[in-house]
Amino acid sequence: MKKLSIFLVLGVLVLSSPAWALSKQVDVKINGLVCDFCAQAMEKVFGKQDEVADISVDLDTKIVTINMKDGQNMDDDFITKLITDSGYNVEEIMRHE
């Protein structure tokens, strides 16, 4: 029941925020991305998410670019959780329309 309440609150926040609702591309600067295995890990983690259309990883800049499907989105806390659960640290999240 607690998880359901959290998801409901997150859903309301996502729907009530115009910036989140319009974000189609999210760039995430990640500390710890150093090799192809790191890139593959991020591709696997985000590729499993229904909201994600595609993902690209730039190891030189350590930025993961997440493109959302039309009408879909993920909040910053969820993106951060996916990354930290994978063993990396988020430095910055930048949203683009």
N, C-alpha and C. Protein backbone atom coordinates (compact mmCIF):
# COMPACT_ATOMS: atom_id res chain seq x y z
N MET A 1 0.82 -1.20 0.00
CA MET A 1 0.00 0.00 0.00
C MET A 1 0.87 1.26 0.00
N LYS A 2 2.00 1.19 0.71
CA LYS A 2 2.89 2.34 0.78
C LYS A 2 3.45 2.65 -0.61
N LYS A 3 3.83 1.60 -1.37
CA LYS A 3 4.38 1.82 -2.71
C LYS A 3 3.33 2.44 -3.62
N LEU A 4 2.08 1.99 -3.49
CA LEU A 4 1.00 2.54 -4.31
C LEU A 4 0.83 4.03 -4.04
N SER A 5 0.90 4.41 -2.78
CA SER A 5 0.77 5.83 -2.41
C SER A 5 1.91 6.66 -3.01
N ILE A 6 3.11 6.11 -2.97
CA ILE A 6 4.26 6.82 -3.53
C ILE A 6 4.08 7.01 -5.03
N PHE A 7 3.65 5.95 -5.73
CA PHE A 7 3.45 6.05 -7.17
C PHE A 7 2.34 7.04 -7.51
N LEU A 8 1.29 7.09 -6.70
CA LEU A 8 0.21 8.05 -6.94
C LEU A 8 0.71 9.48 -6.79
N VAL A 9 1.49 9.72 -5.76
CA VAL A 9 2.03 11.06 -5.52
C VAL A 9 2.96 11.44 -6.67
N LEU A 10 3.83 10.52 -7.09
CA LEU A 10 4.73 10.80 -8.20
C LEU A 10 3.95 11.06 -9.48
N GLY A 11 2.89 10.32 -9.69
CA GLY A 11 2.05 10.51 -10.88
C GLY A 11 1.43 11.89 -10.90
N VAL A 12 0.92 12.33 -9.77
CA VAL A 12 0.33 13.66 -9.68
C VAL A 12 1.38 14.73 -9.94
N LEU A 13 2.59 14.55 -9.39
CA LEU A 13 3.66 15.52 -9.62
C LEU A 13 4.04 15.59 -11.10
N VAL A 14 4.14 14.45 -11.74
CA VAL A 14 4.52 14.42 -13.16
C VAL A 14 3.46 15.11 -14.00
N LEU A 15 2.20 14.83 -13.74
CA LEU A 15 1.13 15.41 -14.53
C LEU A 15 0.91 16.89 -14.25
N SER A 16 1.28 17.34 -13.06
CA SER A 16 1.04 18.73 -12.70
C SER A 16 2.18 19.66 -13.09
N SER A 17 3.29 19.12 -13.52
CA SER A 17 4.45 19.95 -13.84
C SER A 17 4.61 20.09 -15.35
N PRO A 18 4.38 21.27 -15.91
CA PRO A 18 4.52 21.46 -17.35
C PRO A 18 5.91 21.16 -17.88
N ALA A 19 6.95 21.46 -17.13
CA ALA A 19 8.31 21.19 -17.60
C ALA A 19 8.53 19.69 -17.77
N TRP A 20 8.02 18.89 -16.84
CA TRP A 20 8.19 17.44 -16.95
C TRP A 20 7.35 16.90 -18.09
N ALA A 21 6.16 17.43 -18.23
CA ALA A 21 5.25 16.91 -19.24
C ALA A 21 5.77 17.15 -20.65
N LEU A 22 6.59 18.20 -20.85
CA LEU A 22 7.08 18.53 -22.18
C LEU A 22 8.48 17.98 -22.47
N SER A 23 9.15 17.44 -21.47
CA SER A 23 10.51 16.97 -21.67
C SER A 23 10.51 15.70 -22.50
N LYS A 24 11.12 15.79 -23.69
CA LYS A 24 11.22 14.63 -24.55
C LYS A 24 12.62 14.04 -24.49
N GLN A 25 13.60 14.86 -24.16
CA GLN A 25 14.98 14.39 -24.06
C GLN A 25 15.53 14.77 -22.71
N VAL A 26 16.20 13.82 -22.08
CA VAL A 26 16.83 14.05 -20.79
C VAL A 26 18.29 13.66 -20.91
N ASP A 27 19.18 14.59 -20.58
CA ASP A 27 20.62 14.30 -20.54
C ASP A 27 21.02 14.16 -19.08
N VAL A 28 21.73 13.08 -18.78
CA VAL A 28 22.15 12.83 -17.41
C VAL A 28 23.67 12.69 -17.39
N LYS A 29 24.32 13.57 -16.65
CA LYS A 29 25.78 13.47 -16.48
C LYS A 29 26.02 12.52 -15.32
N ILE A 30 26.80 11.47 -15.59
CA ILE A 30 26.98 10.39 -14.62
C ILE A 30 28.45 10.21 -14.29
N ASN A 31 28.76 10.24 -13.01
CA ASN A 31 30.11 9.98 -12.54
C ASN A 31 30.32 8.46 -12.50
N GLY A 32 31.39 8.00 -13.14
CA GLY A 32 31.70 6.58 -13.09
C GLY A 32 31.57 5.86 -14.43
N LEU A 33 31.06 6.54 -15.44
CA LEU A 33 30.96 5.93 -16.77
C LEU A 33 32.34 5.97 -17.41
N VAL A 34 32.98 4.81 -17.53
CA VAL A 34 34.35 4.81 -18.04
C VAL A 34 34.60 3.81 -19.17
N CYS A 35 33.68 2.87 -19.39
CA CYS A 35 33.97 1.84 -20.39
C CYS A 35 32.71 1.38 -21.11
N ASP A 36 32.90 0.54 -22.11
CA ASP A 36 31.77 0.02 -22.88
C ASP A 36 30.81 -0.78 -22.01
N PHE A 37 31.32 -1.47 -21.00
CA PHE A 37 30.44 -2.24 -20.11
C PHE A 37 29.52 -1.30 -19.33
N CYS A 38 30.04 -0.14 -18.94
CA CYS A 38 29.21 0.86 -18.26
C CYS A 38 28.09 1.32 -19.19
N ALA A 39 28.46 1.61 -20.44
CA ALA A 39 27.47 2.06 -21.43
C ALA A 39 26.41 1.00 -21.64
N GLN A 40 26.83 -0.25 -21.76
CA GLN A 40 25.88 -1.35 -21.96
C GLN A 40 24.95 -1.49 -20.76
N ALA A 41 25.48 -1.28 -19.57
CA ALA A 41 24.65 -1.37 -18.37
C ALA A 41 23.54 -0.31 -18.40
N MET A 42 23.90 0.92 -18.77
CA MET A 42 22.90 1.99 -18.84
C MET A 42 21.87 1.71 -19.94
N GLU A 43 22.33 1.21 -21.07
CA GLU A 43 21.42 0.87 -22.17
C GLU A 43 20.44 -0.21 -21.75
N LYS A 44 20.92 -1.18 -21.00
CA LYS A 44 20.06 -2.27 -20.53
C LYS A 44 19.04 -1.77 -19.50
N VAL A 45 19.50 -0.98 -18.54
CA VAL A 45 18.61 -0.47 -17.48
C VAL A 45 17.50 0.39 -18.07
N PHE A 46 17.86 1.35 -18.92
CA PHE A 46 16.85 2.26 -19.46
C PHE A 46 16.06 1.64 -20.61
N GLY A 47 16.67 0.69 -21.30
CA GLY A 47 15.96 0.02 -22.38
C GLY A 47 14.78 -0.80 -21.90
N LYS A 48 14.78 -1.19 -20.64
CA LYS A 48 13.68 -1.96 -20.06
C LYS A 48 12.48 -1.09 -19.67
N GLN A 49 12.67 0.22 -19.66
CA GLN A 49 11.62 1.13 -19.22
C GLN A 49 10.66 1.44 -20.38
N ASP A 50 9.37 1.30 -20.14
CA ASP A 50 8.35 1.52 -21.17
C ASP A 50 8.35 2.95 -21.70
N GLU A 51 8.76 3.92 -20.89
CA GLU A 51 8.72 5.32 -21.28
C GLU A 51 9.82 5.70 -22.29
N VAL A 52 10.85 4.88 -22.37
CA VAL A 52 12.05 5.22 -23.14
C VAL A 52 11.94 4.77 -24.60
N ALA A 53 12.15 5.73 -25.52
CA ALA A 53 12.17 5.42 -26.95
C ALA A 53 13.56 4.91 -27.33
N ASP A 54 14.59 5.64 -26.90
CA ASP A 54 15.97 5.19 -27.12
C ASP A 54 16.90 5.89 -26.17
N ILE A 55 18.12 5.38 -26.11
CA ILE A 55 19.13 5.92 -25.20
C ILE A 55 20.47 5.90 -25.91
N SER A 56 21.29 6.90 -25.63
CA SER A 56 22.66 6.88 -26.13
C SER A 56 23.59 7.28 -24.99
N VAL A 57 24.80 6.73 -25.04
CA VAL A 57 25.78 6.97 -23.99
C VAL A 57 27.04 7.52 -24.63
N ASP A 58 27.50 8.66 -24.14
CA ASP A 58 28.75 9.25 -24.61
C ASP A 58 29.77 9.12 -23.48
N LEU A 59 30.71 8.21 -23.65
CA LEU A 59 31.70 7.97 -22.61
C LEU A 59 32.68 9.13 -22.45
N ASP A 60 32.91 9.91 -23.51
CA ASP A 60 33.82 11.04 -23.42
C ASP A 60 33.27 12.13 -22.51
N THR A 61 31.98 12.44 -22.64
CA THR A 61 31.37 13.48 -21.82
C THR A 61 30.70 12.91 -20.57
N LYS A 62 30.56 11.58 -20.52
CA LYS A 62 29.89 10.88 -19.41
C LYS A 62 28.42 11.29 -19.31
N ILE A 63 27.80 11.50 -20.49
CA ILE A 63 26.40 11.89 -20.54
C ILE A 63 25.57 10.79 -21.19
N VAL A 64 24.50 10.43 -20.51
CA VAL A 64 23.52 9.50 -21.05
C VAL A 64 22.34 10.34 -21.54
N THR A 65 21.97 10.19 -22.79
CA THR A 65 20.84 10.90 -23.36
C THR A 65 19.68 9.92 -23.48
N ILE A 66 18.58 10.28 -22.82
CA ILE A 66 17.38 9.44 -22.81
C ILE A 66 16.30 10.17 -23.60
N ASN A 67 15.81 9.53 -24.65
CA ASN A 67 14.70 10.09 -25.43
C ASN A 67 13.43 9.34 -25.05
N MET A 68 12.43 10.12 -24.65
CA MET A 68 11.17 9.53 -24.20
C MET A 68 10.22 9.32 -25.38
N LYS A 69 9.36 8.33 -25.23
CA LYS A 69 8.29 8.12 -26.21
C LYS A 69 7.31 9.28 -26.09
N ASP A 70 6.56 9.54 -27.16
CA ASP A 70 5.56 10.61 -27.14
C ASP A 70 4.59 10.41 -25.98
N GLY A 71 4.41 11.50 -25.22
CA GLY A 71 3.47 11.47 -24.10
C GLY A 71 3.98 10.76 -22.87
N GLN A 72 5.23 10.30 -22.88
CA GLN A 72 5.80 9.57 -21.75
C GLN A 72 6.88 10.41 -21.08
N ASN A 73 7.18 10.08 -19.83
CA ASN A 73 8.22 10.78 -19.11
C ASN A 73 8.64 10.01 -17.88
N MET A 74 9.74 10.38 -17.29
CA MET A 74 10.24 9.84 -16.02
C MET A 74 10.68 11.02 -15.17
N ASP A 75 10.40 10.95 -13.89
CA ASP A 75 10.84 12.05 -13.03
C ASP A 75 12.30 11.86 -12.64
N ASP A 76 12.92 12.93 -12.19
CA ASP A 76 14.34 12.93 -11.86
C ASP A 76 14.69 11.91 -10.77
N ASP A 77 13.82 11.78 -9.78
CA ASP A 77 14.08 10.84 -8.69
C ASP A 77 14.15 9.40 -9.20
N PHE A 78 13.27 9.04 -10.13
CA PHE A 78 13.27 7.68 -10.67
C PHE A 78 14.51 7.44 -11.52
N ILE A 79 14.88 8.42 -12.33
CA ILE A 79 16.10 8.31 -13.15
C ILE A 79 17.32 8.15 -12.24
N THR A 80 17.39 8.96 -11.20
CA THR A 80 18.50 8.89 -10.24
C THR A 80 18.54 7.52 -9.57
N LYS A 81 17.39 7.00 -9.19
CA LYS A 81 17.33 5.69 -8.54
C LYS A 81 17.84 4.59 -9.47
N LEU A 82 17.42 4.60 -10.72
CA LEU A 82 17.89 3.59 -11.68
C LEU A 82 19.41 3.63 -11.81
N ILE A 83 19.96 4.83 -11.84
CA ILE A 83 21.41 4.98 -12.02
C ILE A 83 22.17 4.59 -10.76
N THR A 84 21.72 5.06 -9.61
CA THR A 84 22.43 4.73 -8.37
C THR A 84 22.30 3.25 -8.03
N ASP A 85 21.16 2.65 -8.34
CA ASP A 85 21.01 1.21 -8.12
C ASP A 85 21.95 0.41 -9.02
N SER A 86 22.40 1.02 -10.11
CA SER A 86 23.35 0.37 -11.02
C SER A 86 24.80 0.60 -10.60
N GLY A 87 25.00 1.41 -9.55
CA GLY A 87 26.34 1.61 -9.02
C GLY A 87 27.04 2.89 -9.47
N TYR A 88 26.28 3.82 -10.04
CA TYR A 88 26.86 5.07 -10.53
C TYR A 88 26.26 6.24 -9.77
N ASN A 89 26.86 7.43 -9.94
CA ASN A 89 26.38 8.63 -9.27
C ASN A 89 25.95 9.67 -10.30
N VAL A 90 24.80 10.27 -10.06
CA VAL A 90 24.29 11.32 -10.95
C VAL A 90 24.92 12.65 -10.54
N GLU A 91 25.50 13.34 -11.52
CA GLU A 91 26.06 14.67 -11.26
C GLU A 91 25.05 15.75 -11.61
N GLU A 92 24.31 15.55 -12.71
CA GLU A 92 23.37 16.57 -13.17
C GLU A 92 22.34 15.95 -14.11
N ILE A 93 21.11 16.46 -14.04
CA ILE A 93 20.05 16.05 -14.96
C ILE A 93 19.58 17.31 -15.69
N MET A 94 19.61 17.24 -17.02
CA MET A 94 19.21 18.38 -17.86
C MET A 94 18.07 17.94 -18.76
N ARG A 95 16.97 18.68 -18.73
CA ARG A 95 15.79 18.34 -19.53
C ARG A 95 15.67 19.30 -20.72
N HIS A 96 15.28 18.72 -21.87
CA HIS A 96 15.11 19.49 -23.10
C HIS A 96 13.73 19.20 -23.67
N GLU A 97 13.14 20.20 -24.27
CA GLU A 97 11.83 20.02 -24.89
C GLU A 97 11.98 19.51 -26.30
